[in-house]
Amino acid sequence: MITSLKQLDLNAQYTYADYLTWQFQERVELLHGKIREMSAPNRVHQGISLNLSRLFANALWKSPCKVYAAPFDVRLTPFSQVKNTAVITVVQPDLCVICDPAKLDDKGCIGAPDLAIEILSPGNSKTEMKDKFDLYEEAGVLEYWIVFPGERSVQIFNLNEEGRYIGLQPNIESDIVTTPIIPGREVDLKDVFNV
């Protein structure tokens, strides 16, 4: 039984089946089979996450779309590959919206969420900015938000017809943003950054 992250070879490749057997307290993700340890979020990060969760949960109340906040496992793999041994990417977005109930099971989500939001923290900027950008694009996540707490801004990327992200103009605290995931709903970024 694996009860400590120190028992694992951080250079080895693992699957979701391996991940399910681990019994340690540290939060980790698998990025193409490689372990990435997650840092504990700070107060500002958690405040922004709570504000976004509240805004999206209220907007989607009684909708087929569901909102989930970390820790929540998202297995990024083609939906047909449901065997745990085939899954080598497991992420925990700070917030995600899933509109297809067939992608949800008792362990989380299998397949691409419609929307993934990552809130940058010291030490995780490279992963969110590059590695997860590539993973979410490759998996077909329709919309990806990167939240910059220090700058009080949000960068939004939408997937185009060719399966590539198109970045929109950066949004600052005084802006109001919308998402095609929730038609007609406006998100006032002052409310998001009010922590």
N, C-alpha and C. Protein backbone atom coordinates (compact mmCIF):
# COMPACT_ATOMS: atom_id res chain seq x y z
N MET A 1 0.85 -1.18 0.00
CA MET A 1 0.00 0.00 0.00
C MET A 1 0.89 1.24 0.00
N ILE A 2 0.53 2.21 -0.85
CA ILE A 2 1.29 3.46 -0.94
C ILE A 2 0.63 4.47 -0.01
N THR A 3 1.34 4.82 1.07
CA THR A 3 0.80 5.75 2.06
C THR A 3 1.57 7.07 2.12
N SER A 4 2.61 7.18 1.30
CA SER A 4 3.40 8.40 1.27
C SER A 4 3.86 8.66 -0.15
N LEU A 5 3.83 9.90 -0.55
CA LEU A 5 4.31 10.29 -1.87
C LEU A 5 5.77 9.89 -2.05
N LYS A 6 6.52 9.85 -0.96
CA LYS A 6 7.94 9.49 -1.01
C LYS A 6 8.17 8.05 -1.47
N GLN A 7 7.13 7.21 -1.41
CA GLN A 7 7.25 5.81 -1.85
C GLN A 7 7.21 5.69 -3.37
N LEU A 8 6.86 6.76 -4.07
CA LEU A 8 6.71 6.70 -5.52
C LEU A 8 7.93 7.27 -6.22
N ASP A 9 8.21 6.76 -7.40
CA ASP A 9 9.26 7.27 -8.26
C ASP A 9 8.65 8.40 -9.10
N LEU A 10 9.04 9.63 -8.82
CA LEU A 10 8.44 10.77 -9.51
C LEU A 10 8.81 10.84 -10.98
N ASN A 11 9.75 10.01 -11.42
CA ASN A 11 10.13 9.97 -12.83
C ASN A 11 9.41 8.87 -13.60
N ALA A 12 8.69 8.01 -12.88
CA ALA A 12 7.97 6.91 -13.53
C ALA A 12 6.65 7.42 -14.12
N GLN A 13 6.03 6.59 -14.95
CA GLN A 13 4.73 6.92 -15.51
C GLN A 13 3.67 6.08 -14.81
N TYR A 14 2.56 6.73 -14.43
CA TYR A 14 1.49 6.06 -13.69
C TYR A 14 0.17 6.21 -14.45
N THR A 15 -0.81 5.39 -14.05
CA THR A 15 -2.14 5.45 -14.64
C THR A 15 -3.14 5.83 -13.56
N TYR A 16 -4.37 6.05 -13.98
CA TYR A 16 -5.43 6.33 -13.03
C TYR A 16 -5.66 5.14 -12.11
N ALA A 17 -5.45 3.93 -12.60
CA ALA A 17 -5.58 2.74 -11.74
C ALA A 17 -4.57 2.81 -10.59
N ASP A 18 -3.35 3.24 -10.87
CA ASP A 18 -2.35 3.44 -9.81
C ASP A 18 -2.83 4.52 -8.84
N TYR A 19 -3.24 5.63 -9.39
CA TYR A 19 -3.68 6.80 -8.63
C TYR A 19 -4.76 6.41 -7.61
N LEU A 20 -5.66 5.54 -8.01
CA LEU A 20 -6.76 5.13 -7.13
C LEU A 20 -6.28 4.33 -5.91
N THR A 21 -5.09 3.76 -5.98
CA THR A 21 -4.59 2.95 -4.87
C THR A 21 -3.81 3.76 -3.84
N TRP A 22 -3.44 4.98 -4.17
CA TRP A 22 -2.61 5.78 -3.28
C TRP A 22 -3.42 6.26 -2.08
N GLN A 23 -2.82 6.11 -0.90
CA GLN A 23 -3.51 6.45 0.36
C GLN A 23 -2.77 7.54 1.13
N PHE A 24 -2.22 8.52 0.44
CA PHE A 24 -1.52 9.59 1.14
C PHE A 24 -2.32 10.88 1.12
N GLN A 25 -1.92 11.83 1.95
CA GLN A 25 -2.67 13.08 2.13
C GLN A 25 -2.36 14.13 1.06
N GLU A 26 -1.17 14.09 0.48
CA GLU A 26 -0.80 15.09 -0.50
C GLU A 26 -1.75 15.03 -1.71
N ARG A 27 -2.04 16.22 -2.24
CA ARG A 27 -2.85 16.28 -3.46
C ARG A 27 -1.92 16.24 -4.66
N VAL A 28 -2.24 15.36 -5.61
CA VAL A 28 -1.43 15.25 -6.82
C VAL A 28 -2.33 15.18 -8.05
N GLU A 29 -1.73 15.46 -9.18
CA GLU A 29 -2.37 15.28 -10.48
C GLU A 29 -1.45 14.42 -11.31
N LEU A 30 -2.00 13.79 -12.34
CA LEU A 30 -1.19 13.06 -13.32
C LEU A 30 -1.27 13.81 -14.64
N LEU A 31 -0.12 14.24 -15.14
CA LEU A 31 -0.06 14.91 -16.43
C LEU A 31 0.68 14.00 -17.39
N HIS A 32 -0.07 13.34 -18.27
CA HIS A 32 0.49 12.34 -19.17
C HIS A 32 1.28 11.28 -18.40
N GLY A 33 0.73 10.87 -17.26
CA GLY A 33 1.33 9.81 -16.46
C GLY A 33 2.37 10.25 -15.45
N LYS A 34 2.77 11.49 -15.49
CA LYS A 34 3.77 12.01 -14.55
C LYS A 34 3.08 12.69 -13.38
N ILE A 35 3.60 12.44 -12.18
CA ILE A 35 3.02 13.02 -10.97
C ILE A 35 3.39 14.49 -10.85
N ARG A 36 2.40 15.29 -10.54
CA ARG A 36 2.63 16.70 -10.22
C ARG A 36 1.99 16.96 -8.87
N GLU A 37 2.81 17.28 -7.88
CA GLU A 37 2.31 17.58 -6.55
C GLU A 37 1.68 18.98 -6.57
N MET A 38 0.56 19.10 -5.91
CA MET A 38 -0.16 20.37 -5.87
C MET A 38 0.12 21.06 -4.54
N SER A 39 0.30 22.37 -4.60
CA SER A 39 0.53 23.12 -3.37
C SER A 39 -0.81 23.48 -2.73
N ALA A 40 -0.77 23.75 -1.45
CA ALA A 40 -1.98 24.17 -0.74
C ALA A 40 -2.33 25.59 -1.18
N PRO A 41 -3.58 25.83 -1.54
CA PRO A 41 -3.96 27.17 -1.98
C PRO A 41 -3.98 28.17 -0.82
N ASN A 42 -3.68 29.42 -1.14
CA ASN A 42 -3.69 30.46 -0.11
C ASN A 42 -5.10 31.05 0.04
N ARG A 43 -5.26 31.97 0.97
CA ARG A 43 -6.57 32.54 1.28
C ARG A 43 -7.19 33.25 0.07
N VAL A 44 -6.41 34.05 -0.64
CA VAL A 44 -6.94 34.79 -1.80
C VAL A 44 -7.41 33.81 -2.87
N HIS A 45 -6.61 32.80 -3.14
CA HIS A 45 -6.97 31.75 -4.10
C HIS A 45 -8.30 31.13 -3.73
N GLN A 46 -8.46 30.77 -2.46
CA GLN A 46 -9.68 30.13 -2.00
C GLN A 46 -10.87 31.08 -2.07
N GLY A 47 -10.66 32.35 -1.77
CA GLY A 47 -11.74 33.33 -1.86
C GLY A 47 -12.24 33.50 -3.29
N ILE A 48 -11.30 33.58 -4.23
CA ILE A 48 -11.68 33.69 -5.64
C ILE A 48 -12.41 32.42 -6.09
N SER A 49 -11.92 31.28 -5.67
CA SER A 49 -12.56 30.01 -6.02
C SER A 49 -13.99 29.96 -5.49
N LEU A 50 -14.18 30.37 -4.25
CA LEU A 50 -15.51 30.37 -3.65
C LEU A 50 -16.45 31.33 -4.40
N ASN A 51 -15.95 32.52 -4.73
CA ASN A 51 -16.78 33.49 -5.46
C ASN A 51 -17.19 32.95 -6.83
N LEU A 52 -16.24 32.37 -7.56
CA LEU A 52 -16.57 31.80 -8.87
C LEU A 52 -17.55 30.64 -8.72
N SER A 53 -17.32 29.79 -7.73
CA SER A 53 -18.22 28.65 -7.50
C SER A 53 -19.64 29.13 -7.24
N ARG A 54 -19.77 30.14 -6.41
CA ARG A 54 -21.09 30.69 -6.07
C ARG A 54 -21.77 31.26 -7.32
N LEU A 55 -21.02 32.06 -8.09
CA LEU A 55 -21.59 32.67 -9.29
C LEU A 55 -22.06 31.62 -10.30
N PHE A 56 -21.21 30.62 -10.55
CA PHE A 56 -21.57 29.60 -11.53
C PHE A 56 -22.65 28.67 -11.01
N ALA A 57 -22.58 28.30 -9.75
CA ALA A 57 -23.60 27.40 -9.19
C ALA A 57 -24.97 28.05 -9.21
N ASN A 58 -25.04 29.33 -8.85
CA ASN A 58 -26.32 30.04 -8.89
C ASN A 58 -26.85 30.15 -10.32
N ALA A 59 -25.96 30.44 -11.27
CA ALA A 59 -26.39 30.59 -12.66
C ALA A 59 -26.87 29.27 -13.25
N LEU A 60 -26.32 28.16 -12.78
CA LEU A 60 -26.64 26.85 -13.36
C LEU A 60 -27.62 26.04 -12.51
N TRP A 61 -28.18 26.66 -11.48
CA TRP A 61 -29.14 25.97 -10.63
C TRP A 61 -30.26 25.41 -11.49
N LYS A 62 -30.58 24.14 -11.32
CA LYS A 62 -31.63 23.42 -12.06
C LYS A 62 -31.31 23.29 -13.55
N SER A 63 -30.06 23.41 -13.91
CA SER A 63 -29.61 23.24 -15.29
C SER A 63 -28.99 21.85 -15.42
N PRO A 64 -28.92 21.30 -16.62
CA PRO A 64 -28.21 20.02 -16.77
C PRO A 64 -26.70 20.17 -16.54
N CYS A 65 -26.19 21.39 -16.64
CA CYS A 65 -24.77 21.63 -16.40
C CYS A 65 -24.51 21.65 -14.89
N LYS A 66 -23.40 21.04 -14.49
CA LYS A 66 -23.03 20.96 -13.08
C LYS A 66 -21.67 21.61 -12.86
N VAL A 67 -21.52 22.25 -11.70
CA VAL A 67 -20.29 22.94 -11.33
C VAL A 67 -19.59 22.14 -10.24
N TYR A 68 -18.28 21.95 -10.38
CA TYR A 68 -17.50 21.23 -9.37
C TYR A 68 -16.23 22.01 -9.08
N ALA A 69 -15.90 22.10 -7.79
CA ALA A 69 -14.68 22.77 -7.35
C ALA A 69 -13.68 21.72 -6.86
N ALA A 70 -12.41 22.06 -6.94
CA ALA A 70 -11.35 21.16 -6.49
C ALA A 70 -11.49 20.91 -4.99
N PRO A 71 -11.13 19.74 -4.53
CA PRO A 71 -10.59 18.63 -5.31
C PRO A 71 -11.70 17.83 -5.99
N PHE A 72 -11.59 17.69 -7.30
CA PHE A 72 -12.54 16.94 -8.11
C PHE A 72 -11.76 16.39 -9.29
N ASP A 73 -11.68 15.06 -9.40
CA ASP A 73 -10.87 14.43 -10.45
C ASP A 73 -11.53 14.55 -11.82
N VAL A 74 -10.75 15.05 -12.77
CA VAL A 74 -11.15 15.10 -14.17
C VAL A 74 -10.15 14.26 -14.94
N ARG A 75 -10.66 13.14 -15.49
CA ARG A 75 -9.80 12.24 -16.26
C ARG A 75 -9.89 12.64 -17.72
N LEU A 76 -8.80 13.20 -18.22
CA LEU A 76 -8.77 13.68 -19.59
C LEU A 76 -8.34 12.55 -20.51
N THR A 77 -9.30 12.02 -21.21
CA THR A 77 -9.06 10.91 -22.11
C THR A 77 -10.25 10.84 -23.06
N PRO A 78 -10.08 10.25 -24.23
CA PRO A 78 -11.26 10.05 -25.06
C PRO A 78 -12.32 9.28 -24.26
N PHE A 79 -13.59 9.68 -24.39
CA PHE A 79 -14.66 9.11 -23.57
C PHE A 79 -14.75 7.60 -23.72
N SER A 80 -14.32 7.05 -24.86
CA SER A 80 -14.41 5.60 -25.07
C SER A 80 -13.40 4.83 -24.23
N GLN A 81 -12.37 5.51 -23.72
CA GLN A 81 -11.35 4.84 -22.93
C GLN A 81 -11.65 4.96 -21.45
N VAL A 82 -12.61 4.20 -20.98
CA VAL A 82 -13.02 4.32 -19.59
C VAL A 82 -12.24 3.41 -18.65
N LYS A 83 -11.42 2.52 -19.17
CA LYS A 83 -10.63 1.66 -18.30
C LYS A 83 -9.58 2.50 -17.57
N ASN A 84 -9.48 2.30 -16.27
CA ASN A 84 -8.55 3.10 -15.47
C ASN A 84 -7.10 2.95 -15.90
N THR A 85 -6.75 1.80 -16.48
CA THR A 85 -5.37 1.58 -16.89
C THR A 85 -5.03 2.37 -18.15
N ALA A 86 -6.03 2.84 -18.90
CA ALA A 86 -5.77 3.62 -20.11
C ALA A 86 -5.66 5.11 -19.82
N VAL A 87 -6.11 5.54 -18.66
CA VAL A 87 -6.12 6.96 -18.31
C VAL A 87 -4.78 7.33 -17.68
N ILE A 88 -4.09 8.31 -18.29
CA ILE A 88 -2.80 8.74 -17.75
C ILE A 88 -2.78 10.23 -17.41
N THR A 89 -3.93 10.89 -17.55
CA THR A 89 -4.02 12.30 -17.18
C THR A 89 -5.23 12.51 -16.27
N VAL A 90 -4.94 12.93 -15.05
CA VAL A 90 -5.97 13.23 -14.06
C VAL A 90 -5.64 14.60 -13.49
N VAL A 91 -6.53 15.57 -13.70
CA VAL A 91 -6.30 16.92 -13.22
C VAL A 91 -7.41 17.30 -12.25
N GLN A 92 -7.14 18.32 -11.48
CA GLN A 92 -8.13 18.86 -10.54
C GLN A 92 -8.23 20.37 -10.77
N PRO A 93 -9.00 20.76 -11.79
CA PRO A 93 -9.16 22.20 -12.02
C PRO A 93 -9.74 22.86 -10.78
N ASP A 94 -9.43 24.12 -10.58
CA ASP A 94 -10.00 24.83 -9.44
C ASP A 94 -11.52 24.85 -9.54
N LEU A 95 -12.02 24.93 -10.75
CA LEU A 95 -13.46 24.90 -10.99
C LEU A 95 -13.69 24.34 -12.38
N CYS A 96 -14.74 23.55 -12.53
CA CYS A 96 -15.09 23.07 -13.86
C CYS A 96 -16.61 22.96 -13.98
N VAL A 97 -17.08 23.06 -15.22
CA VAL A 97 -18.49 22.92 -15.54
C VAL A 97 -18.62 21.79 -16.54
N ILE A 98 -19.50 20.84 -16.23
CA ILE A 98 -19.75 19.69 -17.11
C ILE A 98 -21.24 19.69 -17.45
N CYS A 99 -21.54 19.74 -18.74
CA CYS A 99 -22.93 19.80 -19.18
C CYS A 99 -23.45 18.46 -19.70
N ASP A 100 -22.58 17.50 -19.91
CA ASP A 100 -22.98 16.17 -20.38
C ASP A 100 -22.98 15.21 -19.19
N PRO A 101 -24.16 14.83 -18.68
CA PRO A 101 -24.20 13.96 -17.50
C PRO A 101 -23.56 12.59 -17.72
N ALA A 102 -23.41 12.17 -18.97
CA ALA A 102 -22.77 10.88 -19.26
C ALA A 102 -21.29 10.90 -18.90
N LYS A 103 -20.70 12.09 -18.76
CA LYS A 103 -19.28 12.19 -18.40
C LYS A 103 -19.04 12.09 -16.90
N LEU A 104 -20.11 12.08 -16.11
CA LEU A 104 -19.97 12.07 -14.65
C LEU A 104 -20.17 10.67 -14.10
N ASP A 105 -19.31 10.30 -13.14
CA ASP A 105 -19.49 9.06 -12.40
C ASP A 105 -19.12 9.34 -10.94
N ASP A 106 -19.15 8.32 -10.12
CA ASP A 106 -18.88 8.53 -8.70
C ASP A 106 -17.46 8.99 -8.41
N LYS A 107 -16.54 8.82 -9.35
CA LYS A 107 -15.15 9.22 -9.14
C LYS A 107 -14.86 10.63 -9.67
N GLY A 108 -15.79 11.21 -10.42
CA GLY A 108 -15.57 12.54 -10.98
C GLY A 108 -16.05 12.63 -12.40
N CYS A 109 -15.20 13.17 -13.25
CA CYS A 109 -15.53 13.38 -14.67
C CYS A 109 -14.56 12.60 -15.53
N ILE A 110 -15.09 11.94 -16.55
CA ILE A 110 -14.22 11.30 -17.53
C ILE A 110 -14.49 11.93 -18.88
N GLY A 111 -13.49 12.61 -19.39
CA GLY A 111 -13.62 13.37 -20.62
C GLY A 111 -13.49 14.85 -20.32
N ALA A 112 -13.60 15.64 -21.36
CA ALA A 112 -13.38 17.07 -21.24
C ALA A 112 -14.57 17.80 -20.63
N PRO A 113 -14.33 18.60 -19.59
CA PRO A 113 -15.40 19.49 -19.12
C PRO A 113 -15.69 20.53 -20.20
N ASP A 114 -16.83 21.18 -20.09
CA ASP A 114 -17.13 22.27 -21.02
C ASP A 114 -16.30 23.51 -20.69
N LEU A 115 -16.07 23.72 -19.39
CA LEU A 115 -15.30 24.87 -18.93
C LEU A 115 -14.37 24.43 -17.82
N ALA A 116 -13.11 24.85 -17.90
CA ALA A 116 -12.14 24.61 -16.82
C ALA A 116 -11.56 25.97 -16.41
N ILE A 117 -11.46 26.17 -15.09
CA ILE A 117 -10.89 27.41 -14.57
C ILE A 117 -9.74 27.05 -13.64
N GLU A 118 -8.61 27.69 -13.87
CA GLU A 118 -7.43 27.53 -13.02
C GLU A 118 -7.07 28.89 -12.45
N ILE A 119 -6.86 28.94 -11.14
CA ILE A 119 -6.47 30.15 -10.44
C ILE A 119 -4.99 30.01 -10.11
N LEU A 120 -4.19 30.92 -10.62
CA LEU A 120 -2.76 30.81 -10.41
C LEU A 120 -2.38 31.06 -8.96
N SER A 121 -1.41 30.28 -8.50
CA SER A 121 -0.84 30.43 -7.17
C SER A 121 0.67 30.42 -7.33
N PRO A 122 1.38 30.98 -6.36
CA PRO A 122 2.84 30.90 -6.44
C PRO A 122 3.26 29.43 -6.59
N GLY A 123 4.10 29.15 -7.55
CA GLY A 123 4.60 27.79 -7.74
C GLY A 123 3.83 26.96 -8.76
N ASN A 124 2.63 27.41 -9.19
CA ASN A 124 1.92 26.61 -10.17
C ASN A 124 1.71 27.32 -11.49
N SER A 125 2.27 28.51 -11.66
CA SER A 125 2.03 29.30 -12.86
C SER A 125 2.47 28.59 -14.14
N LYS A 126 3.64 27.95 -14.13
CA LYS A 126 4.13 27.27 -15.32
C LYS A 126 3.18 26.15 -15.73
N THR A 127 2.72 25.38 -14.76
CA THR A 127 1.84 24.26 -15.07
C THR A 127 0.54 24.76 -15.69
N GLU A 128 -0.08 25.76 -15.08
CA GLU A 128 -1.34 26.27 -15.60
C GLU A 128 -1.15 26.98 -16.93
N MET A 129 -0.08 27.73 -17.04
CA MET A 129 0.13 28.53 -18.24
C MET A 129 0.50 27.70 -19.46
N LYS A 130 1.21 26.65 -19.30
CA LYS A 130 1.67 25.87 -20.46
C LYS A 130 1.11 24.45 -20.45
N ASP A 131 1.46 23.69 -19.42
CA ASP A 131 1.11 22.26 -19.42
C ASP A 131 -0.39 22.03 -19.47
N LYS A 132 -1.13 22.70 -18.59
CA LYS A 132 -2.57 22.48 -18.57
C LYS A 132 -3.25 23.11 -19.79
N PHE A 133 -2.73 24.24 -20.25
CA PHE A 133 -3.25 24.84 -21.49
C PHE A 133 -3.22 23.78 -22.59
N ASP A 134 -2.07 23.14 -22.77
CA ASP A 134 -1.93 22.12 -23.81
C ASP A 134 -2.85 20.92 -23.56
N LEU A 135 -2.93 20.47 -22.31
CA LEU A 135 -3.79 19.32 -21.98
C LEU A 135 -5.26 19.63 -22.25
N TYR A 136 -5.71 20.79 -21.81
CA TYR A 136 -7.12 21.15 -21.99
C TYR A 136 -7.45 21.33 -23.48
N GLU A 137 -6.55 21.93 -24.21
CA GLU A 137 -6.76 22.10 -25.65
C GLU A 137 -6.83 20.74 -26.34
N GLU A 138 -5.87 19.87 -26.03
CA GLU A 138 -5.81 18.53 -26.62
C GLU A 138 -7.06 17.70 -26.30
N ALA A 139 -7.57 17.85 -25.09
CA ALA A 139 -8.74 17.07 -24.65
C ALA A 139 -10.06 17.63 -25.19
N GLY A 140 -10.04 18.87 -25.66
CA GLY A 140 -11.26 19.46 -26.20
C GLY A 140 -12.10 20.21 -25.20
N VAL A 141 -11.49 20.76 -24.14
CA VAL A 141 -12.22 21.60 -23.19
C VAL A 141 -12.64 22.86 -23.97
N LEU A 142 -13.93 23.13 -24.02
CA LEU A 142 -14.44 24.20 -24.87
C LEU A 142 -13.97 25.59 -24.47
N GLU A 143 -13.84 25.81 -23.16
CA GLU A 143 -13.42 27.13 -22.69
C GLU A 143 -12.52 26.95 -21.48
N TYR A 144 -11.43 27.73 -21.44
CA TYR A 144 -10.44 27.65 -20.38
C TYR A 144 -10.17 29.06 -19.87
N TRP A 145 -10.34 29.25 -18.56
CA TRP A 145 -10.05 30.53 -17.92
C TRP A 145 -8.81 30.38 -17.06
N ILE A 146 -7.89 31.34 -17.18
CA ILE A 146 -6.76 31.43 -16.26
C ILE A 146 -6.95 32.71 -15.47
N VAL A 147 -7.03 32.56 -14.15
CA VAL A 147 -7.26 33.70 -13.26
C VAL A 147 -5.93 34.10 -12.63
N PHE A 148 -5.61 35.39 -12.73
CA PHE A 148 -4.37 35.95 -12.18
C PHE A 148 -4.72 36.80 -10.96
N PRO A 149 -4.66 36.21 -9.74
CA PRO A 149 -5.05 36.97 -8.54
C PRO A 149 -4.24 38.25 -8.33
N GLY A 150 -2.94 38.19 -8.52
CA GLY A 150 -2.09 39.36 -8.29
C GLY A 150 -2.44 40.52 -9.19
N GLU A 151 -2.75 40.23 -10.44
CA GLU A 151 -3.10 41.27 -11.41
C GLU A 151 -4.59 41.56 -11.43
N ARG A 152 -5.37 40.72 -10.71
CA ARG A 152 -6.82 40.83 -10.68
C ARG A 152 -7.37 40.85 -12.11
N SER A 153 -6.95 39.81 -12.86
CA SER A 153 -7.38 39.71 -14.26
C SER A 153 -7.66 38.25 -14.61
N VAL A 154 -8.35 38.08 -15.73
CA VAL A 154 -8.72 36.75 -16.23
C VAL A 154 -8.42 36.69 -17.72
N GLN A 155 -7.76 35.64 -18.14
CA GLN A 155 -7.54 35.37 -19.57
C GLN A 155 -8.45 34.22 -19.96
N ILE A 156 -9.24 34.40 -21.00
CA ILE A 156 -10.20 33.39 -21.45
C ILE A 156 -9.79 32.89 -22.82
N PHE A 157 -9.82 31.55 -22.96
CA PHE A 157 -9.51 30.90 -24.23
C PHE A 157 -10.71 30.07 -24.66
N ASN A 158 -11.10 30.22 -25.92
CA ASN A 158 -12.19 29.43 -26.49
C ASN A 158 -11.64 28.52 -27.57
N LEU A 159 -12.15 27.28 -27.60
CA LEU A 159 -11.72 26.30 -28.60
C LEU A 159 -12.38 26.63 -29.93
N ASN A 160 -11.58 26.72 -31.00
CA ASN A 160 -12.16 26.99 -32.32
C ASN A 160 -12.48 25.68 -33.05
N GLU A 161 -12.96 25.79 -34.27
CA GLU A 161 -13.37 24.61 -35.05
C GLU A 161 -12.21 23.66 -35.35
N GLU A 162 -10.99 24.18 -35.36
CA GLU A 162 -9.81 23.34 -35.62
C GLU A 162 -9.27 22.70 -34.35
N GLY A 163 -9.92 22.92 -33.21
CA GLY A 163 -9.47 22.35 -31.96
C GLY A 163 -8.31 23.09 -31.33
N ARG A 164 -8.17 24.38 -31.66
CA ARG A 164 -7.10 25.21 -31.10
C ARG A 164 -7.72 26.33 -30.28
N TYR A 165 -7.03 26.72 -29.21
CA TYR A 165 -7.52 27.82 -28.39
C TYR A 165 -7.25 29.16 -29.04
N ILE A 166 -8.25 30.01 -28.98
CA ILE A 166 -8.13 31.39 -29.39
C ILE A 166 -8.25 32.22 -28.11
N GLY A 167 -7.22 33.02 -27.83
CA GLY A 167 -7.25 33.85 -26.64
C GLY A 167 -8.01 35.14 -26.88
N LEU A 168 -8.85 35.49 -25.93
CA LEU A 168 -9.59 36.74 -26.01
C LEU A 168 -8.80 37.83 -25.31
N GLN A 169 -9.22 39.06 -25.48
CA GLN A 169 -8.56 40.18 -24.81
C GLN A 169 -8.56 39.94 -23.31
N PRO A 170 -7.45 40.22 -22.60
CA PRO A 170 -7.43 40.04 -21.14
C PRO A 170 -8.53 40.88 -20.49
N ASN A 171 -9.12 40.32 -19.46
CA ASN A 171 -10.18 40.99 -18.72
C ASN A 171 -9.65 41.41 -17.36
N ILE A 172 -9.91 42.67 -16.99
CA ILE A 172 -9.45 43.17 -15.71
C ILE A 172 -10.63 43.30 -14.75
N GLU A 173 -10.31 43.62 -13.51
CA GLU A 173 -11.29 43.63 -12.43
C GLU A 173 -12.53 44.45 -12.73
N SER A 174 -12.41 45.51 -13.51
CA SER A 174 -13.57 46.37 -13.80
C SER A 174 -14.43 45.84 -14.95
N ASP A 175 -14.04 44.70 -15.56
CA ASP A 175 -14.78 44.16 -16.70
C ASP A 175 -15.90 43.22 -16.28
N ILE A 176 -16.83 43.06 -17.20
CA ILE A 176 -17.88 42.07 -17.07
C ILE A 176 -17.69 41.09 -18.23
N VAL A 177 -17.62 39.79 -17.91
CA VAL A 177 -17.37 38.79 -18.94
C VAL A 177 -18.58 37.86 -19.08
N THR A 178 -18.64 37.22 -20.22
CA THR A 178 -19.69 36.23 -20.48
C THR A 178 -19.04 34.95 -20.96
N THR A 179 -19.81 33.88 -20.95
CA THR A 179 -19.34 32.60 -21.45
C THR A 179 -20.47 31.93 -22.22
N PRO A 180 -20.16 31.32 -23.36
CA PRO A 180 -21.20 30.60 -24.09
C PRO A 180 -21.72 29.37 -23.34
N ILE A 181 -21.00 28.95 -22.32
CA ILE A 181 -21.44 27.81 -21.50
C ILE A 181 -22.71 28.17 -20.74
N ILE A 182 -22.83 29.46 -20.36
CA ILE A 182 -24.02 29.94 -19.65
C ILE A 182 -24.57 31.15 -20.41
N PRO A 183 -25.33 30.91 -21.47
CA PRO A 183 -25.84 32.02 -22.28
C PRO A 183 -26.63 33.03 -21.44
N GLY A 184 -26.34 34.30 -21.68
CA GLY A 184 -27.07 35.37 -21.01
C GLY A 184 -26.57 35.71 -19.62
N ARG A 185 -25.63 34.96 -19.08
CA ARG A 185 -25.12 35.22 -17.74
C ARG A 185 -23.86 36.07 -17.82
N GLU A 186 -23.85 37.17 -17.09
CA GLU A 186 -22.68 38.03 -17.02
C GLU A 186 -21.96 37.79 -15.71
N VAL A 187 -20.64 37.80 -15.76
CA VAL A 187 -19.81 37.65 -14.57
C VAL A 187 -19.07 38.96 -14.36
N ASP A 188 -19.41 39.63 -13.27
CA ASP A 188 -18.75 40.89 -12.91
C ASP A 188 -17.47 40.52 -12.17
N LEU A 189 -16.33 40.84 -12.75
CA LEU A 189 -15.06 40.44 -12.14
C LEU A 189 -14.80 41.15 -10.81
N LYS A 190 -15.46 42.27 -10.55
CA LYS A 190 -15.34 42.88 -9.21
C LYS A 190 -15.84 41.91 -8.16
N ASP A 191 -16.91 41.15 -8.48
CA ASP A 191 -17.43 40.16 -7.53
C ASP A 191 -16.47 38.98 -7.37
N VAL A 192 -15.78 38.63 -8.44
CA VAL A 192 -14.84 37.51 -8.38
C VAL A 192 -13.66 37.84 -7.49
N PHE A 193 -13.14 39.06 -7.62
CA PHE A 193 -11.93 39.45 -6.88
C PHE A 193 -12.22 40.10 -5.54
N ASN A 194 -13.48 40.11 -5.11
CA ASN A 194 -13.85 40.68 -3.82
C ASN A 194 -13.57 39.67 -2.71
N VAL A 195 -12.31 39.58 -2.32
CA VAL A 195 -11.90 38.63 -1.27
C VAL A 195 -11.32 39.39 -0.12
